[in-house]
Structure formats: structure tokens, C-alpha cells
Amino acid sequence: MSNHDPLALDFVQFAVECGVLRFGSFKTKAGRMSPYFFNAGLFDDGARLGRLVEFYAQRLLDSGIEFDMVFGPAYKGIPLAAALAVELARRGRNVPFAYNRKEAKDHGEGGTLVGAPLQGRVLIVDDVMSAGTATRESIHIIQAAGATPHAVLIALDRQEMATENGNDVPYSAVQFVREQLGLQVAAIAKLGDLMEYLTDREADVYQQVLAYRERYGVMS
């Protein structure tokens, strides 16, 4: 169980109210049947996106992570990086942002990068980290541009085993990125926060999430 984290619990409640965090039976990318599903793509209007990046900005500022610019991996990271840059500027911290497109453009400015030039310490912004694949791709892009991949900011740390070549491994994607790739990682909320939220609200769902965590969970 996590330590009490008001920001995380407020975020979980917000995600549930928006229908972004749902309970039931969902198949994950790893082929697991999960009792919950988080889809940041459903923060799909201006008010929700604006509130979402307030959570991102607060967690980022609380973390003490230092950075020079923001990068959003295609596709979900693109609106997150742009909106976070707006929110940071609103709070008095104006930083450049950039993102990639998955298809190289062969006209106009060309290439796969859009926005400010990648330089300095780069903060990667995404929704969740399942296998760490998108993060690894972002790291390669940032390094190829001569900048430093420095940290990752996500909405939810599922705190569960990652998979490599279809097999479960005894560490999470967040742990892999933090310990093997050497990047700092901050999450608005973790699975432990979700479980704390459920404790006094949905006893049956709590038991389902607990069983899932006992099977696939890792502490991070």
C-alpha cells in the first residue's frame, strides 16, 4: 500500500469521474486480463486536458526534477507535451517543447521531429508506461539529436511486471527505465494509490485489483 498522497488520490478520483479509469475486465498489451483500464486518450475536451496537465505540472514541480525542455512521443504524448508546456508557462516556467511524428515527412521542413530543437536535458511526457518501448524510442530520438534524455513524467505507474519477448520479467517498465536506462521517473499516481482510493469505495473491485497485483505486481 502506498503512503497517503493527496495529489495522487485527487487524480485517481478525477480519472474515474472522467471515465478515463475504468473497472471491469480488460486485456492489456501483455495479454493479461486486468481489472482496470486507464486510457488517457479519453481526457478529450479542453477542460479535462487542462485539469490533467495541472496534475502533471504539480507532480513535476514537486519532484524537483530539473529539465530544459519537454518532449512528447507520438501519439498520446503530443497533446500532453504541448498542454504541459502551456501550463508550465502559466506558472511562470516557459520551456520549449517538441514531439515526433511516426512517419517521416518528405516535403516542407521534412524529418520526424516537430517543434523546438532538441537540446539540453529533455523531459519525456507520456500517459502510462507498459513495456517501456515508447520511452526507449524517445531516448534514441533525443540522443540522435545530440540532447540528453533526462527524465520521464507519466500519469499512472501500473507497478506491474514488464514483459520481454512475451515473457514476464521481475521488474516493471518504470524500474527498467529508472535503473537500467538511468532516467528519473515521476508518476502522478501509482497502483498503490488506486488501491487506497478503492479501499473505502469499491470493496469487490479492490479485491480484484489486489489479486491482480499479487500475481503481476512489483514494488516501485
Foldseek 3Di string as FASTA:
>chain_A
DDDDDVLQLVLLVLCVVLVQKDADWDQDPLRDTARIHGHPVSCPDDVSLLVVLVLLLVQVVVVPDDAAAEEAEPDQRVSSRVSNQVVVVVVVDHHWYKYFAPDWDPDDPTGTIDTDQQAEEYEYEHAEQAQCPSVVVVQVVNVVSVHHDAAYEYAEYAQFFHDDPSHTDQGGSQCCCCPVVPHHYTYSYYLVSVLVSCPPPPVVSSVSNVVVCVVTHHDD
